[in-house]
Amino acid sequence: MTSTTDTAQHPDVSEISDLAEGLLSPSRSAAVRSHLDGCALCADVHDSLEEIRGLLGTLPGPPRMPADVAERIDAALAAEALLDATAPDENGDVSRETS
């Protein structure tokens, strides 16, 4: 990601998010952390992102698909595969490797 922090600018929220996720290079992480130490606004953004990240980690996973639905999907996929395997090739396409 392109650096957007200098003495007059704040890092983008996406860059602060990348810091929270551990995606920045070590040197860039140090620069953004240094900025956060001196900028209450950016430090608050970082704290908010960390809070959201923590809250998302506590949510339950999606409910399990009902077995009858999974079985119907599996049966439909198997039927399609069987049709594809037994249907004659109507296109007559020939591989480029075939002479």
PDB file of N, CA and C in Angstrom:
ATOM      1  N   MET A   1       0.840  -1.167   0.000  1.00  0.00           N
ATOM      2  CA  MET A   1       0.000   0.000   0.000  1.00  0.00           C
ATOM      3  C   MET A   1       0.885   1.230   0.000  1.00  0.00           C
ATOM      4  N   THR A   2       0.468   2.251  -0.677  1.00  0.00           N
ATOM      5  CA  THR A   2       1.234   3.481  -0.740  1.00  0.00           C
ATOM      6  C   THR A   2       1.141   4.213   0.589  1.00  0.00           C
ATOM      7  N   SER A   3       2.264   4.685   1.032  1.00  0.00           N
ATOM      8  CA  SER A   3       2.300   5.411   2.289  1.00  0.00           C
ATOM      9  C   SER A   3       1.611   6.757   2.137  1.00  0.00           C
ATOM     10  N   THR A   4       0.813   7.108   3.117  1.00  0.00           N
ATOM     11  CA  THR A   4       0.144   8.399   3.083  1.00  0.00           C
ATOM     12  C   THR A   4       0.457   9.216   4.329  1.00  0.00           C
ATOM     13  N   THR A   5       1.373   8.726   5.137  1.00  0.00           N
ATOM     14  CA  THR A   5       1.704   9.452   6.359  1.00  0.00           C
ATOM     15  C   THR A   5       2.972  10.264   6.149  1.00  0.00           C
ATOM     16  N   ASP A   6       2.894  11.534   6.439  1.00  0.00           N
ATOM     17  CA  ASP A   6       4.084  12.361   6.561  1.00  0.00           C
ATOM     18  C   ASP A   6       3.806  13.324   7.701  1.00  0.00           C
ATOM     19  N   THR A   7       4.572  14.374   7.794  1.00  0.00           N
ATOM     20  CA  THR A   7       4.397  15.258   8.942  1.00  0.00           C
ATOM     21  C   THR A   7       3.094  16.033   8.887  1.00  0.00           C
ATOM     22  N   ALA A   8       2.454  16.144   7.717  1.00  0.00           N
ATOM     23  CA  ALA A   8       1.241  16.937   7.596  1.00  0.00           C
ATOM     24  C   ALA A   8      -0.011  16.095   7.386  1.00  0.00           C
ATOM     25  N   GLN A   9       0.130  14.801   7.112  1.00  0.00           N
ATOM     26  CA  GLN A   9      -1.029  13.985   6.784  1.00  0.00           C
ATOM     27  C   GLN A   9      -1.182  12.824   7.753  1.00  0.00           C
ATOM     28  N   HIS A  10      -2.399  12.338   7.796  1.00  0.00           N
ATOM     29  CA  HIS A  10      -2.729  11.162   8.593  1.00  0.00           C
ATOM     30  C   HIS A  10      -2.723   9.934   7.680  1.00  0.00           C
ATOM     31  N   PRO A  11      -2.439   8.749   8.226  1.00  0.00           N
ATOM     32  CA  PRO A  11      -2.552   7.537   7.406  1.00  0.00           C
ATOM     33  C   PRO A  11      -4.017   7.287   7.065  1.00  0.00           C
ATOM     34  N   ASP A  12      -4.249   6.672   5.921  1.00  0.00           N
ATOM     35  CA  ASP A  12      -5.612   6.283   5.544  1.00  0.00           C
ATOM     36  C   ASP A  12      -6.149   5.288   6.563  1.00  0.00           C
ATOM     37  N   VAL A  13      -7.468   5.236   6.684  1.00  0.00           N
ATOM     38  CA  VAL A  13      -8.099   4.265   7.566  1.00  0.00           C
ATOM     39  C   VAL A  13      -7.716   2.856   7.129  1.00  0.00           C
ATOM     40  N   SER A  14      -7.616   2.644   5.806  1.00  0.00           N
ATOM     41  CA  SER A  14      -7.241   1.307   5.319  1.00  0.00           C
ATOM     42  C   SER A  14      -5.826   0.937   5.765  1.00  0.00           C
ATOM     43  N   GLU A  15      -4.948   1.916   5.857  1.00  0.00           N
ATOM     44  CA  GLU A  15      -3.588   1.629   6.312  1.00  0.00           C
ATOM     45  C   GLU A  15      -3.567   1.350   7.814  1.00  0.00           C
ATOM     46  N   ILE A  16      -4.399   2.064   8.562  1.00  0.00           N
ATOM     47  CA  ILE A  16      -4.508   1.792   9.993  1.00  0.00           C
ATOM     48  C   ILE A  16      -5.099   0.396  10.193  1.00  0.00           C
ATOM     49  N   SER A  17      -6.058   0.038   9.354  1.00  0.00           N
ATOM     50  CA  SER A  17      -6.633  -1.311   9.405  1.00  0.00           C
ATOM     51  C   SER A  17      -5.575  -2.362   9.077  1.00  0.00           C
ATOM     52  N   ASP A  18      -4.757  -2.088   8.064  1.00  0.00           N
ATOM     53  CA  ASP A  18      -3.676  -3.012   7.721  1.00  0.00           C
ATOM     54  C   ASP A  18      -2.717  -3.185   8.895  1.00  0.00           C
ATOM     55  N   LEU A  19      -2.467  -2.111   9.634  1.00  0.00           N
ATOM     56  CA  LEU A  19      -1.619  -2.203  10.821  1.00  0.00           C
ATOM     57  C   LEU A  19      -2.263  -3.135  11.848  1.00  0.00           C
ATOM     58  N   ALA A  20      -3.564  -2.970  12.065  1.00  0.00           N
ATOM     59  CA  ALA A  20      -4.276  -3.799  13.038  1.00  0.00           C
ATOM     60  C   ALA A  20      -4.265  -5.266  12.632  1.00  0.00           C
ATOM     61  N   GLU A  21      -4.251  -5.532  11.340  1.00  0.00           N
ATOM     62  CA  GLU A  21      -4.252  -6.909  10.838  1.00  0.00           C
ATOM     63  C   GLU A  21      -2.841  -7.471  10.676  1.00  0.00           C
ATOM     64  N   GLY A  22      -1.821  -6.659  10.924  1.00  0.00           N
ATOM     65  CA  GLY A  22      -0.442  -7.120  10.789  1.00  0.00           C
ATOM     66  C   GLY A  22       0.013  -7.255   9.349  1.00  0.00           C
ATOM     67  N   LEU A  23      -0.541  -6.435   8.465  1.00  0.00           N
ATOM     68  CA  LEU A  23      -0.235  -6.549   7.040  1.00  0.00           C
ATOM     69  C   LEU A  23       0.825  -5.567   6.551  1.00  0.00           C
ATOM     70  N   LEU A  24       1.229  -4.644   7.395  1.00  0.00           N
ATOM     71  CA  LEU A  24       2.232  -3.660   6.976  1.00  0.00           C
ATOM     72  C   LEU A  24       3.642  -4.200   7.189  1.00  0.00           C
ATOM     73  N   SER A  25       4.560  -3.677   6.408  1.00  0.00           N
ATOM     74  CA  SER A  25       5.962  -4.043   6.600  1.00  0.00           C
ATOM     75  C   SER A  25       6.412  -3.553   7.971  1.00  0.00           C
ATOM     76  N   PRO A  26       7.465  -4.134   8.516  1.00  0.00           N
ATOM     77  CA  PRO A  26       7.923  -3.685   9.844  1.00  0.00           C
ATOM     78  C   PRO A  26       8.252  -2.196   9.896  1.00  0.00           C
ATOM     79  N   SER A  27       8.895  -1.682   8.852  1.00  0.00           N
ATOM     80  CA  SER A  27       9.247  -0.259   8.870  1.00  0.00           C
ATOM     81  C   SER A  27       8.006   0.617   8.775  1.00  0.00           C
ATOM     82  N   ARG A  28       7.038   0.203   7.966  1.00  0.00           N
ATOM     83  CA  ARG A  28       5.797   0.980   7.829  1.00  0.00           C
ATOM     84  C   ARG A  28       4.973   0.889   9.111  1.00  0.00           C
ATOM     85  N   SER A  29       4.954  -0.293   9.725  1.00  0.00           N
ATOM     86  CA  SER A  29       4.252  -0.450  11.002  1.00  0.00           C
ATOM     87  C   SER A  29       4.816   0.499  12.048  1.00  0.00           C
ATOM     88  N   ALA A  30       6.138   0.585  12.099  1.00  0.00           N
ATOM     89  CA  ALA A  30       6.785   1.478  13.070  1.00  0.00           C
ATOM     90  C   ALA A  30       6.413   2.934  12.803  1.00  0.00           C
ATOM     91  N   ALA A  31       6.364   3.312  11.526  1.00  0.00           N
ATOM     92  CA  ALA A  31       6.023   4.702  11.182  1.00  0.00           C
ATOM     93  C   ALA A  31       4.576   5.015  11.546  1.00  0.00           C
ATOM     94  N   VAL A  32       3.662   4.101  11.254  1.00  0.00           N
ATOM     95  CA  VAL A  32       2.254   4.348  11.563  1.00  0.00           C
ATOM     96  C   VAL A  32       2.048   4.335  13.071  1.00  0.00           C
ATOM     97  N   ARG A  33       2.701   3.401  13.784  1.00  0.00           N
ATOM     98  CA  ARG A  33       2.583   3.373  15.247  1.00  0.00           C
ATOM     99  C   ARG A  33       3.113   4.672  15.860  1.00  0.00           C
ATOM    100  N   SER A  34       4.196   5.178  15.290  1.00  0.00           N
ATOM    101  CA  SER A  34       4.755   6.442  15.768  1.00  0.00           C
ATOM    102  C   SER A  34       3.743   7.571  15.573  1.00  0.00           C
ATOM    103  N   HIS A  35       3.069   7.576  14.428  1.00  0.00           N
ATOM    104  CA  HIS A  35       2.051   8.587  14.179  1.00  0.00           C
ATOM    105  C   HIS A  35       0.904   8.435  15.177  1.00  0.00           C
ATOM    106  N   LEU A  36       0.481   7.194  15.436  1.00  0.00           N
ATOM    107  CA  LEU A  36      -0.619   6.955  16.378  1.00  0.00           C
ATOM    108  C   LEU A  36      -0.275   7.455  17.778  1.00  0.00           C
ATOM    109  N   ASP A  37       0.999   7.344  18.150  1.00  0.00           N
ATOM    110  CA  ASP A  37       1.425   7.800  19.474  1.00  0.00           C
ATOM    111  C   ASP A  37       1.224   9.299  19.647  1.00  0.00           C
ATOM    112  N   GLY A  38       1.299  10.045  18.539  1.00  0.00           N
ATOM    113  CA  GLY A  38       1.184  11.499  18.641  1.00  0.00           C
ATOM    114  C   GLY A  38      -0.119  12.063  18.120  1.00  0.00           C
ATOM    115  N   CYS A  39      -1.020  11.207  17.642  1.00  0.00           N
ATOM    116  CA  CYS A  39      -2.259  11.698  17.034  1.00  0.00           C
ATOM    117  C   CYS A  39      -3.454  10.995  17.671  1.00  0.00           C
ATOM    118  N   ALA A  40      -4.180  11.729  18.481  1.00  0.00           N
ATOM    119  CA  ALA A  40      -5.329  11.151  19.192  1.00  0.00           C
ATOM    120  C   ALA A  40      -6.422  10.702  18.226  1.00  0.00           C
ATOM    121  N   LEU A  41      -6.620  11.436  17.148  1.00  0.00           N
ATOM    122  CA  LEU A  41      -7.656  11.079  16.177  1.00  0.00           C
ATOM    123  C   LEU A  41      -7.361   9.727  15.537  1.00  0.00           C
ATOM    124  N   CYS A  42      -6.136   9.531  15.055  1.00  0.00           N
ATOM    125  CA  CYS A  42      -5.769   8.264  14.425  1.00  0.00           C
ATOM    126  C   CYS A  42      -5.713   7.128  15.443  1.00  0.00           C
ATOM    127  N   ALA A  43      -5.276   7.434  16.665  1.00  0.00           N
ATOM    128  CA  ALA A  43      -5.255   6.415  17.719  1.00  0.00           C
ATOM    129  C   ALA A  43      -6.674   5.953  18.029  1.00  0.00           C
ATOM    130  N   ASP A  44      -7.638   6.879  17.984  1.00  0.00           N
ATOM    131  CA  ASP A  44      -9.032   6.513  18.226  1.00  0.00           C
ATOM    132  C   ASP A  44      -9.557   5.625  17.092  1.00  0.00           C
ATOM    133  N   VAL A  45      -9.182   5.925  15.853  1.00  0.00           N
ATOM    134  CA  VAL A  45      -9.574   5.081  14.717  1.00  0.00           C
ATOM    135  C   VAL A  45      -9.014   3.678  14.907  1.00  0.00           C
ATOM    136  N   HIS A  46      -7.743   3.587  15.286  1.00  0.00           N
ATOM    137  CA  HIS A  46      -7.110   2.288  15.512  1.00  0.00           C
ATOM    138  C   HIS A  46      -7.807   1.516  16.629  1.00  0.00           C
ATOM    139  N   ASP A  47      -8.112   2.209  17.732  1.00  0.00           N
ATOM    140  CA  ASP A  47      -8.806   1.556  18.847  1.00  0.00           C
ATOM    141  C   ASP A  47     -10.184   1.055  18.419  1.00  0.00           C
ATOM    142  N   SER A  48     -10.891   1.843  17.617  1.00  0.00           N
ATOM    143  CA  SER A  48     -12.210   1.435  17.125  1.00  0.00           C
ATOM    144  C   SER A  48     -12.109   0.204  16.236  1.00  0.00           C
ATOM    145  N   LEU A  49     -11.111   0.179  15.364  1.00  0.00           N
ATOM    146  CA  LEU A  49     -10.916  -0.979  14.492  1.00  0.00           C
ATOM    147  C   LEU A  49     -10.590  -2.228  15.305  1.00  0.00           C
ATOM    148  N   GLU A  50      -9.773  -2.078  16.330  1.00  0.00           N
ATOM    149  CA  GLU A  50      -9.444  -3.209  17.198  1.00  0.00           C
ATOM    150  C   GLU A  50     -10.678  -3.701  17.939  1.00  0.00           C
ATOM    151  N   GLU A  51     -11.526  -2.766  18.384  1.00  0.00           N
ATOM    152  CA  GLU A  51     -12.753  -3.149  19.082  1.00  0.00           C
ATOM    153  C   GLU A  51     -13.680  -3.921  18.137  1.00  0.00           C
ATOM    154  N   ILE A  52     -13.839  -3.427  16.926  1.00  0.00           N
ATOM    155  CA  ILE A  52     -14.690  -4.110  15.941  1.00  0.00           C
ATOM    156  C   ILE A  52     -14.146  -5.497  15.647  1.00  0.00           C
ATOM    157  N   ARG A  53     -12.846  -5.579  15.464  1.00  0.00           N
ATOM    158  CA  ARG A  53     -12.211  -6.871  15.191  1.00  0.00           C
ATOM    159  C   ARG A  53     -12.472  -7.862  16.329  1.00  0.00           C
ATOM    160  N   GLY A  54     -12.367  -7.377  17.551  1.00  0.00           N
ATOM    161  CA  GLY A  54     -12.622  -8.232  18.705  1.00  0.00           C
ATOM    162  C   GLY A  54     -14.071  -8.675  18.797  1.00  0.00           C
ATOM    163  N   LEU A  55     -14.987  -7.757  18.501  1.00  0.00           N
ATOM    164  CA  LEU A  55     -16.412  -8.095  18.553  1.00  0.00           C
ATOM    165  C   LEU A  55     -16.779  -9.094  17.461  1.00  0.00           C
ATOM    166  N   LEU A  56     -16.226  -8.933  16.287  1.00  0.00           N
ATOM    167  CA  LEU A  56     -16.520  -9.867  15.199  1.00  0.00           C
ATOM    168  C   LEU A  56     -16.039 -11.275  15.531  1.00  0.00           C
ATOM    169  N   GLY A  57     -14.968 -11.362  16.289  1.00  0.00           N
ATOM    170  CA  GLY A  57     -14.441 -12.665  16.667  1.00  0.00           C
ATOM    171  C   GLY A  57     -15.324 -13.411  17.650  1.00  0.00           C
ATOM    172  N   THR A  58     -16.259 -12.716  18.284  1.00  0.00           N
ATOM    173  CA  THR A  58     -17.131 -13.367  19.258  1.00  0.00           C
ATOM    174  C   THR A  58     -18.457 -13.817  18.659  1.00  0.00           C
ATOM    175  N   LEU A  59     -18.711 -13.471  17.405  1.00  0.00           N
ATOM    176  CA  LEU A  59     -19.984 -13.853  16.787  1.00  0.00           C
ATOM    177  C   LEU A  59     -20.014 -15.349  16.505  1.00  0.00           C
ATOM    178  N   PRO A  60     -21.203 -15.954  16.616  1.00  0.00           N
ATOM    179  CA  PRO A  60     -21.301 -17.388  16.289  1.00  0.00           C
ATOM    180  C   PRO A  60     -21.180 -17.592  14.780  1.00  0.00           C
ATOM    181  N   GLY A  61     -20.773 -18.761  14.398  1.00  0.00           N
ATOM    182  CA  GLY A  61     -20.664 -19.090  12.984  1.00  0.00           C
ATOM    183  C   GLY A  61     -22.049 -19.245  12.365  1.00  0.00           C
ATOM    184  N   PRO A  62     -22.089 -19.406  11.050  1.00  0.00           N
ATOM    185  CA  PRO A  62     -23.386 -19.570  10.388  1.00  0.00           C
ATOM    186  C   PRO A  62     -24.024 -20.896  10.800  1.00  0.00           C
ATOM    187  N   PRO A  63     -25.349 -20.955  10.752  1.00  0.00           N
ATOM    188  CA  PRO A  63     -26.007 -22.221  11.109  1.00  0.00           C
ATOM    189  C   PRO A  63     -25.705 -23.301  10.079  1.00  0.00           C
ATOM    190  N   ARG A  64     -25.719 -24.523  10.526  1.00  0.00           N
ATOM    191  CA  ARG A  64     -25.456 -25.663   9.649  1.00  0.00           C
ATOM    192  C   ARG A  64     -26.610 -25.851   8.678  1.00  0.00           C
ATOM    193  N   MET A  65     -26.273 -26.180   7.428  1.00  0.00           N
ATOM    194  CA  MET A  65     -27.294 -26.431   6.420  1.00  0.00           C
ATOM    195  C   MET A  65     -28.080 -27.683   6.803  1.00  0.00           C
ATOM    196  N   PRO A  66     -29.410 -27.627   6.677  1.00  0.00           N
ATOM    197  CA  PRO A  66     -30.200 -28.826   6.987  1.00  0.00           C
ATOM    198  C   PRO A  66     -29.774 -29.997   6.098  1.00  0.00           C
ATOM    199  N   ALA A  67     -29.763 -31.194   6.673  1.00  0.00           N
ATOM    200  CA  ALA A  67     -29.290 -32.383   5.961  1.00  0.00           C
ATOM    201  C   ALA A  67     -30.091 -32.643   4.697  1.00  0.00           C
ATOM    202  N   ASP A  68     -31.416 -32.431   4.730  1.00  0.00           N
ATOM    203  CA  ASP A  68     -32.216 -32.712   3.535  1.00  0.00           C
ATOM    204  C   ASP A  68     -31.871 -31.773   2.392  1.00  0.00           C
ATOM    205  N   VAL A  69     -31.530 -30.534   2.704  1.00  0.00           N
ATOM    206  CA  VAL A  69     -31.128 -29.587   1.665  1.00  0.00           C
ATOM    207  C   VAL A  69     -29.784 -30.001   1.074  1.00  0.00           C
ATOM    208  N   ALA A  70     -28.846 -30.357   1.930  1.00  0.00           N
ATOM    209  CA  ALA A  70     -27.529 -30.795   1.453  1.00  0.00           C
ATOM    210  C   ALA A  70     -27.651 -32.037   0.581  1.00  0.00           C
ATOM    211  N   GLU A  71     -28.506 -32.960   0.967  1.00  0.00           N
ATOM    212  CA  GLU A  71     -28.699 -34.180   0.176  1.00  0.00           C
ATOM    213  C   GLU A  71     -29.294 -33.868  -1.193  1.00  0.00           C
ATOM    214  N   ARG A  72     -30.252 -32.941  -1.257  1.00  0.00           N
ATOM    215  CA  ARG A  72     -30.854 -32.574  -2.542  1.00  0.00           C
ATOM    216  C   ARG A  72     -29.834 -31.889  -3.443  1.00  0.00           C
ATOM    217  N   ILE A  73     -28.995 -31.042  -2.873  1.00  0.00           N
ATOM    218  CA  ILE A  73     -27.949 -30.380  -3.664  1.00  0.00           C
ATOM    219  C   ILE A  73     -26.968 -31.420  -4.192  1.00  0.00           C
ATOM    220  N   ASP A  74     -26.533 -32.327  -3.331  1.00  0.00           N
ATOM    221  CA  ASP A  74     -25.611 -33.391  -3.758  1.00  0.00           C
ATOM    222  C   ASP A  74     -26.213 -34.231  -4.873  1.00  0.00           C
ATOM    223  N   ALA A  75     -27.497 -34.572  -4.754  1.00  0.00           N
ATOM    224  CA  ALA A  75     -28.158 -35.381  -5.777  1.00  0.00           C
ATOM    225  C   ALA A  75     -28.246 -34.628  -7.098  1.00  0.00           C
ATOM    226  N   ALA A  76     -28.563 -33.345  -7.044  1.00  0.00           N
ATOM    227  CA  ALA A  76     -28.654 -32.549  -8.270  1.00  0.00           C
ATOM    228  C   ALA A  76     -27.291 -32.433  -8.941  1.00  0.00           C
ATOM    229  N   LEU A  77     -26.245 -32.227  -8.165  1.00  0.00           N
ATOM    230  CA  LEU A  77     -24.888 -32.138  -8.735  1.00  0.00           C
ATOM    231  C   LEU A  77     -24.461 -33.467  -9.340  1.00  0.00           C
ATOM    232  N   ALA A  78     -24.786 -34.564  -8.677  1.00  0.00           N
ATOM    233  CA  ALA A  78     -24.437 -35.887  -9.194  1.00  0.00           C
ATOM    234  C   ALA A  78     -25.188 -36.158 -10.499  1.00  0.00           C
ATOM    235  N   ALA A  79     -26.467 -35.769 -10.567  1.00  0.00           N
ATOM    236  CA  ALA A  79     -27.245 -35.969 -11.787  1.00  0.00           C
ATOM    237  C   ALA A  79     -26.671 -35.153 -12.939  1.00  0.00           C
ATOM    238  N   GLU A  80     -26.280 -33.928 -12.679  1.00  0.00           N
ATOM    239  CA  GLU A  80     -25.670 -33.094 -13.720  1.00  0.00           C
ATOM    240  C   GLU A  80     -24.357 -33.691 -14.200  1.00  0.00           C
ATOM    241  N   ALA A  81     -23.548 -34.167 -13.275  1.00  0.00           N
ATOM    242  CA  ALA A  81     -22.272 -34.780 -13.651  1.00  0.00           C
ATOM    243  C   ALA A  81     -22.506 -36.011 -14.508  1.00  0.00           C
ATOM    244  N   LEU A  82     -23.496 -36.806 -14.167  1.00  0.00           N
ATOM    245  CA  LEU A  82     -23.821 -38.005 -14.937  1.00  0.00           C
ATOM    246  C   LEU A  82     -24.299 -37.633 -16.337  1.00  0.00           C
ATOM    247  N   LEU A  83     -25.142 -36.620 -16.440  1.00  0.00           N
ATOM    248  CA  LEU A  83     -25.612 -36.164 -17.747  1.00  0.00           C
ATOM    249  C   LEU A  83     -24.452 -35.659 -18.609  1.00  0.00           C
ATOM    250  N   ASP A  84     -23.563 -34.895 -17.998  1.00  0.00           N
ATOM    251  CA  ASP A  84     -22.408 -34.379 -18.741  1.00  0.00           C
ATOM    252  C   ASP A  84     -21.496 -35.514 -19.207  1.00  0.00           C
ATOM    253  N   ALA A  85     -21.362 -36.548 -18.373  1.00  0.00           N
ATOM    254  CA  ALA A  85     -20.458 -37.651 -18.700  1.00  0.00           C
ATOM    255  C   ALA A  85     -21.035 -38.555 -19.784  1.00  0.00           C
ATOM    256  N   THR A  86     -22.363 -38.646 -19.873  1.00  0.00           N
ATOM    257  CA  THR A  86     -22.976 -39.580 -20.826  1.00  0.00           C
ATOM    258  C   THR A  86     -23.532 -38.895 -22.065  1.00  0.00           C
ATOM    259  N   ALA A  87     -23.634 -37.571 -22.066  1.00  0.00           N
ATOM    260  CA  ALA A  87     -24.175 -36.861 -23.221  1.00  0.00           C
ATOM    261  C   ALA A  87     -23.145 -36.851 -24.348  1.00  0.00           C
ATOM    262  N   PRO A  88     -23.604 -37.052 -25.594  1.00  0.00           N
ATOM    263  CA  PRO A  88     -22.668 -36.987 -26.719  1.00  0.00           C
ATOM    264  C   PRO A  88     -22.172 -35.558 -26.899  1.00  0.00           C
ATOM    265  N   ASP A  89     -20.962 -35.445 -27.396  1.00  0.00           N
ATOM    266  CA  ASP A  89     -20.355 -34.131 -27.619  1.00  0.00           C
ATOM    267  C   ASP A  89     -20.957 -33.538 -28.884  1.00  0.00           C
ATOM    268  N   GLU A  90     -21.857 -32.597 -28.722  1.00  0.00           N
ATOM    269  CA  GLU A  90     -22.553 -31.999 -29.854  1.00  0.00           C
ATOM    270  C   GLU A  90     -21.709 -30.951 -30.567  1.00  0.00           C
ATOM    271  N   ASN A  91     -20.722 -30.412 -29.880  1.00  0.00           N
ATOM    272  CA  ASN A  91     -19.905 -29.362 -30.493  1.00  0.00           C
ATOM    273  C   ASN A  91     -18.912 -29.921 -31.488  1.00  0.00           C
ATOM    274  N   GLY A  92     -18.445 -31.099 -31.239  1.00  0.00           N
ATOM    275  CA  GLY A  92     -17.421 -31.665 -32.111  1.00  0.00           C
ATOM    276  C   GLY A  92     -16.094 -30.941 -31.999  1.00  0.00           C
ATOM    277  N   ASP A  93     -15.888 -30.220 -30.904  1.00  0.00           N
ATOM    278  CA  ASP A  93     -14.619 -29.494 -30.721  1.00  0.00           C
ATOM    279  C   ASP A  93     -13.482 -30.486 -30.626  1.00  0.00           C
ATOM    280  N   VAL A  94     -12.363 -30.109 -31.224  1.00  0.00           N
ATOM    281  CA  VAL A  94     -11.195 -30.931 -31.197  1.00  0.00           C
ATOM    282  C   VAL A  94     -10.083 -30.146 -30.526  1.00  0.00           C
ATOM    283  N   SER A  95      -9.340 -30.787 -29.684  1.00  0.00           N
ATOM    284  CA  SER A  95      -8.229 -30.153 -29.005  1.00  0.00           C
ATOM    285  C   SER A  95      -7.210 -29.668 -29.994  1.00  0.00           C
ATOM    286  N   ARG A  96      -6.512 -28.614 -29.690  1.00  0.00           N
ATOM    287  CA  ARG A  96      -5.462 -28.084 -30.573  1.00  0.00           C
ATOM    288  C   ARG A  96      -4.307 -29.063 -30.707  1.00  0.00           C
ATOM    289  N   GLU A  97      -4.154 -29.920 -29.692  1.00  0.00           N
ATOM    290  CA  GLU A  97      -3.055 -30.877 -29.723  1.00  0.00           C
ATOM    291  C   GLU A  97      -3.355 -32.048 -30.654  1.00  0.00           C
ATOM    292  N   THR A  98      -4.613 -32.200 -31.073  1.00  0.00           N
ATOM    293  CA  THR A  98      -4.994 -33.300 -31.935  1.00  0.00           C
ATOM    294  C   THR A  98      -4.708 -32.933 -33.377  1.00  0.00           C
ATOM    295  N   SER A  99      -4.101 -33.849 -34.096  1.00  0.00           N
ATOM    296  CA  SER A  99      -3.806 -33.534 -35.512  1.00  0.00           C
ATOM    297  C   SER A  99      -4.943 -33.921 -36.407  1.00  0.00           C
TER     298      SER A  99
END
